Amino acid sequence: MNLSEDQIRELAIQAVKELGDKATPEAVQNYIENELAKSGKVQFNKNNTSGRVILTSFGLNATGIVSSITKTLSDCNCDILDISQKIMQEFFTMIMMIDISNSEKDLKDIQEEMNRIAESLKVKIYLQHEDVFRFMHRI
């Protein structure tokens, strides 16, 4: 399924306009997923239990960030397919490609686990389906 740059941009603009002050990254993601699913152009697994997801994390560096995130993913039976991590002075960034198809938990449950870890580590963690990540970052 191929969407043009203009179609993707228009969908993101539409999401931000309709969501207004509630246009968080998660809300925009959900809006785009719903619109694409309604259009029939993209079929998302309703339970979000299979496929690849992208995890992005950033914040002030502290001991145990990578360990905490990877331990939680392991506990959820997720497979890390690729990882890129960088520390620039006191700032930490990490991007992972993860396969959640063997997890008993769906994407929403794994996102909740990551939110708990993010809060305890005082970092930001975003988890998105690979397709949504691609669509949102082509804009």
C-alpha atoms as a PDB file:
ATOM      1  CA  MET A   1       0.000   0.000   0.000  1.00  0.00           C
ATOM      2  CA  ASN A   2       1.466   3.308  -1.044  1.00  0.00           C
ATOM      3  CA  LEU A   3       0.305   6.727   0.042  1.00  0.00           C
ATOM      4  CA  SER A   4       1.754   9.839  -1.512  1.00  0.00           C
ATOM      5  CA  GLU A   5       3.603  12.388   0.608  1.00  0.00           C
ATOM      6  CA  ASP A   6       0.680  14.775   0.085  1.00  0.00           C
ATOM      7  CA  GLN A   7      -1.864  12.204   1.315  1.00  0.00           C
ATOM      8  CA  ILE A   8       0.150  11.485   4.428  1.00  0.00           C
ATOM      9  CA  ARG A   9       0.691  15.180   5.135  1.00  0.00           C
ATOM     10  CA  GLU A  10      -3.027  15.896   4.644  1.00  0.00           C
ATOM     11  CA  LEU A  11      -3.990  13.090   7.039  1.00  0.00           C
ATOM     12  CA  ALA A  12      -1.630  14.413   9.727  1.00  0.00           C
ATOM     13  CA  ILE A  13      -2.905  17.984   9.272  1.00  0.00           C
ATOM     14  CA  GLN A  14      -6.483  16.731   9.485  1.00  0.00           C
ATOM     15  CA  ALA A  15      -5.642  14.857  12.709  1.00  0.00           C
ATOM     16  CA  VAL A  16      -4.092  17.930  14.333  1.00  0.00           C
ATOM     17  CA  LYS A  17      -7.014  20.155  13.286  1.00  0.00           C
ATOM     18  CA  GLU A  18      -9.645  17.774  14.623  1.00  0.00           C
ATOM     19  CA  LEU A  19      -7.792  16.963  17.835  1.00  0.00           C
ATOM     20  CA  GLY A  20      -6.854  20.569  18.601  1.00  0.00           C
ATOM     21  CA  ASP A  21      -5.312  20.883  22.072  1.00  0.00           C
ATOM     22  CA  LYS A  22      -5.602  17.106  22.503  1.00  0.00           C
ATOM     23  CA  ALA A  23      -3.130  16.447  19.641  1.00  0.00           C
ATOM     24  CA  THR A  24      -0.554  14.399  21.539  1.00  0.00           C
ATOM     25  CA  PRO A  25       1.678  11.981  19.586  1.00  0.00           C
ATOM     26  CA  GLU A  26      -0.462   9.074  20.825  1.00  0.00           C
ATOM     27  CA  ALA A  27      -3.730  10.790  19.881  1.00  0.00           C
ATOM     28  CA  VAL A  28      -2.450  11.623  16.394  1.00  0.00           C
ATOM     29  CA  GLN A  29      -1.227   8.044  16.002  1.00  0.00           C
ATOM     30  CA  ASN A  30      -4.628   6.645  17.012  1.00  0.00           C
ATOM     31  CA  TYR A  31      -6.423   9.078  14.715  1.00  0.00           C
ATOM     32  CA  ILE A  32      -4.254   8.118  11.726  1.00  0.00           C
ATOM     33  CA  GLU A  33      -4.610   4.388  12.447  1.00  0.00           C
ATOM     34  CA  ASN A  34      -8.400   4.735  12.628  1.00  0.00           C
ATOM     35  CA  GLU A  35      -8.635   6.798   9.433  1.00  0.00           C
ATOM     36  CA  LEU A  36      -6.416   4.416   7.473  1.00  0.00           C
ATOM     37  CA  ALA A  37      -8.326   1.402   8.764  1.00  0.00           C
ATOM     38  CA  LYS A  38     -11.683   3.020   7.873  1.00  0.00           C
ATOM     39  CA  SER A  39     -10.451   3.829   4.373  1.00  0.00           C
ATOM     40  CA  GLY A  40      -9.448   0.209   3.809  1.00  0.00           C
ATOM     41  CA  LYS A  41      -6.014   1.359   2.610  1.00  0.00           C
ATOM     42  CA  VAL A  42      -4.231  -0.233   5.556  1.00  0.00           C
ATOM     43  CA  GLN A  43      -5.336  -3.169   7.647  1.00  0.00           C
ATOM     44  CA  PHE A  44      -4.176  -2.973  11.247  1.00  0.00           C
ATOM     45  CA  ASN A  45      -4.473  -5.947  13.513  1.00  0.00           C
ATOM     46  CA  LYS A  46      -7.310  -4.960  15.842  1.00  0.00           C
ATOM     47  CA  ASN A  47      -5.532  -6.426  18.864  1.00  0.00           C
ATOM     48  CA  ASN A  48      -2.170  -5.045  17.781  1.00  0.00           C
ATOM     49  CA  THR A  49      -0.678  -8.398  18.780  1.00  0.00           C
ATOM     50  CA  SER A  50       1.607  -9.009  15.836  1.00  0.00           C
ATOM     51  CA  GLY A  51       4.177  -7.204  13.815  1.00  0.00           C
ATOM     52  CA  ARG A  52       7.033  -4.862  14.286  1.00  0.00           C
ATOM     53  CA  VAL A  53       6.962  -1.757  16.424  1.00  0.00           C
ATOM     54  CA  ILE A  54       9.365   1.137  16.853  1.00  0.00           C
ATOM     55  CA  LEU A  55      10.381   2.255  20.340  1.00  0.00           C
ATOM     56  CA  THR A  56      11.926   5.686  20.748  1.00  0.00           C
ATOM     57  CA  SER A  57      13.282   6.854  24.076  1.00  0.00           C
ATOM     58  CA  PHE A  58      15.046  10.009  25.188  1.00  0.00           C
ATOM     59  CA  GLY A  59      15.831  12.033  28.300  1.00  0.00           C
ATOM     60  CA  LEU A  60      18.579  12.780  30.765  1.00  0.00           C
ATOM     61  CA  ASN A  61      21.011   9.897  31.061  1.00  0.00           C
ATOM     62  CA  ALA A  62      20.892   7.740  34.197  1.00  0.00           C
ATOM     63  CA  THR A  63      22.169   4.332  35.193  1.00  0.00           C
ATOM     64  CA  GLY A  64      19.925   1.442  34.175  1.00  0.00           C
ATOM     65  CA  ILE A  65      17.797   2.979  31.398  1.00  0.00           C
ATOM     66  CA  VAL A  66      18.672   0.402  28.734  1.00  0.00           C
ATOM     67  CA  SER A  67      18.552  -2.408  31.273  1.00  0.00           C
ATOM     68  CA  SER A  68      15.095  -1.426  32.555  1.00  0.00           C
ATOM     69  CA  ILE A  69      13.607  -1.064  29.084  1.00  0.00           C
ATOM     70  CA  THR A  70      15.090  -4.295  27.712  1.00  0.00           C
ATOM     71  CA  LYS A  71      14.121  -6.246  30.861  1.00  0.00           C
ATOM     72  CA  THR A  72      10.526  -5.097  30.514  1.00  0.00           C
ATOM     73  CA  LEU A  73      10.498  -6.022  26.817  1.00  0.00           C
ATOM     74  CA  SER A  74      11.944  -9.429  27.682  1.00  0.00           C
ATOM     75  CA  ASP A  75       9.279  -9.947  30.359  1.00  0.00           C
ATOM     76  CA  CYS A  76       6.669  -9.196  27.665  1.00  0.00           C
ATOM     77  CA  ASN A  77       8.341 -11.797  25.380  1.00  0.00           C
ATOM     78  CA  CYS A  78       9.286  -9.169  22.779  1.00  0.00           C
ATOM     79  CA  ASP A  79      12.232  -9.660  20.442  1.00  0.00           C
ATOM     80  CA  ILE A  80      14.616  -6.738  19.827  1.00  0.00           C
ATOM     81  CA  LEU A  81      15.424  -6.798  16.110  1.00  0.00           C
ATOM     82  CA  ASP A  82      17.620  -3.685  15.987  1.00  0.00           C
ATOM     83  CA  ILE A  83      18.832  -1.077  18.432  1.00  0.00           C
ATOM     84  CA  SER A  84      20.588   2.269  18.177  1.00  0.00           C
ATOM     85  CA  GLN A  85      21.554   4.118  21.335  1.00  0.00           C
ATOM     86  CA  LYS A  86      23.522   7.311  21.835  1.00  0.00           C
ATOM     87  CA  ILE A  87      24.609   9.310  24.862  1.00  0.00           C
ATOM     88  CA  MET A  88      25.590  12.909  24.171  1.00  0.00           C
ATOM     89  CA  GLN A  89      26.955  14.423  27.351  1.00  0.00           C
ATOM     90  CA  GLU A  90      24.024  14.101  29.779  1.00  0.00           C
ATOM     91  CA  PHE A  91      21.383  13.274  27.124  1.00  0.00           C
ATOM     92  CA  PHE A  92      20.272   9.724  26.307  1.00  0.00           C
ATOM     93  CA  THR A  93      18.530   8.629  23.079  1.00  0.00           C
ATOM     94  CA  MET A  94      17.572   5.179  21.861  1.00  0.00           C
ATOM     95  CA  ILE A  95      15.602   3.714  18.968  1.00  0.00           C
ATOM     96  CA  MET A  96      14.630   0.051  18.768  1.00  0.00           C
ATOM     97  CA  MET A  97      12.803  -2.085  16.250  1.00  0.00           C
ATOM     98  CA  ILE A  98      10.905  -4.758  18.161  1.00  0.00           C
ATOM     99  CA  ASP A  99       8.887  -7.809  17.134  1.00  0.00           C
ATOM    100  CA  ILE A 100       5.884  -8.220  19.453  1.00  0.00           C
ATOM    101  CA  SER A 101       4.286 -11.135  17.582  1.00  0.00           C
ATOM    102  CA  ASN A 102       5.260 -13.665  20.294  1.00  0.00           C
ATOM    103  CA  SER A 103       4.013 -11.531  23.163  1.00  0.00           C
ATOM    104  CA  GLU A 104       0.883 -12.474  25.058  1.00  0.00           C
ATOM    105  CA  LYS A 105       0.339  -8.736  25.550  1.00  0.00           C
ATOM    106  CA  ASP A 106      -1.022  -6.436  22.879  1.00  0.00           C
ATOM    107  CA  LEU A 107       0.591  -3.156  21.863  1.00  0.00           C
ATOM    108  CA  LYS A 108      -1.538  -1.129  24.266  1.00  0.00           C
ATOM    109  CA  ASP A 109      -0.467  -3.295  27.231  1.00  0.00           C
ATOM    110  CA  ILE A 110       3.194  -3.032  26.247  1.00  0.00           C
ATOM    111  CA  GLN A 111       2.793   0.746  25.879  1.00  0.00           C
ATOM    112  CA  GLU A 112       1.407   0.875  29.427  1.00  0.00           C
ATOM    113  CA  GLU A 113       4.422  -1.093  30.685  1.00  0.00           C
ATOM    114  CA  MET A 114       6.740   1.335  28.887  1.00  0.00           C
ATOM    115  CA  ASN A 115       4.859   4.313  30.387  1.00  0.00           C
ATOM    116  CA  ARG A 116       5.482   2.935  33.886  1.00  0.00           C
ATOM    117  CA  ILE A 117       9.187   2.468  33.123  1.00  0.00           C
ATOM    118  CA  ALA A 118       9.417   5.944  31.552  1.00  0.00           C
ATOM    119  CA  GLU A 119       7.855   7.540  34.617  1.00  0.00           C
ATOM    120  CA  SER A 120      10.203   5.751  37.011  1.00  0.00           C
ATOM    121  CA  LEU A 121      13.279   6.628  34.906  1.00  0.00           C
ATOM    122  CA  LYS A 122      12.096  10.180  34.145  1.00  0.00           C
ATOM    123  CA  VAL A 123      12.492   9.666  30.374  1.00  0.00           C
ATOM    124  CA  LYS A 124      10.076   9.661  27.434  1.00  0.00           C
ATOM    125  CA  ILE A 125       9.277   6.394  25.676  1.00  0.00           C
ATOM    126  CA  TYR A 126       7.062   6.114  22.591  1.00  0.00           C
ATOM    127  CA  LEU A 127       5.981   2.813  21.061  1.00  0.00           C
ATOM    128  CA  GLN A 128       4.318   2.793  17.619  1.00  0.00           C
ATOM    129  CA  HIS A 129       3.500   0.251  14.935  1.00  0.00           C
ATOM    130  CA  GLU A 130       6.155   0.313  12.243  1.00  0.00           C
ATOM    131  CA  ASP A 131       3.617   1.328   9.556  1.00  0.00           C
ATOM    132  CA  VAL A 132       2.304   4.258  11.592  1.00  0.00           C
ATOM    133  CA  PHE A 133       5.868   5.320  12.390  1.00  0.00           C
ATOM    134  CA  ARG A 134       6.736   5.266   8.678  1.00  0.00           C
ATOM    135  CA  PHE A 135       3.614   7.225   7.705  1.00  0.00           C
ATOM    136  CA  MET A 136       4.078   9.858  10.409  1.00  0.00           C
ATOM    137  CA  HIS A 137       7.763  10.371   9.667  1.00  0.00           C
ATOM    138  CA  ARG A 138       7.352  10.746   5.905  1.00  0.00           C
ATOM    139  CA  ILE A 139       5.634  14.098   6.458  1.00  0.00           C
END
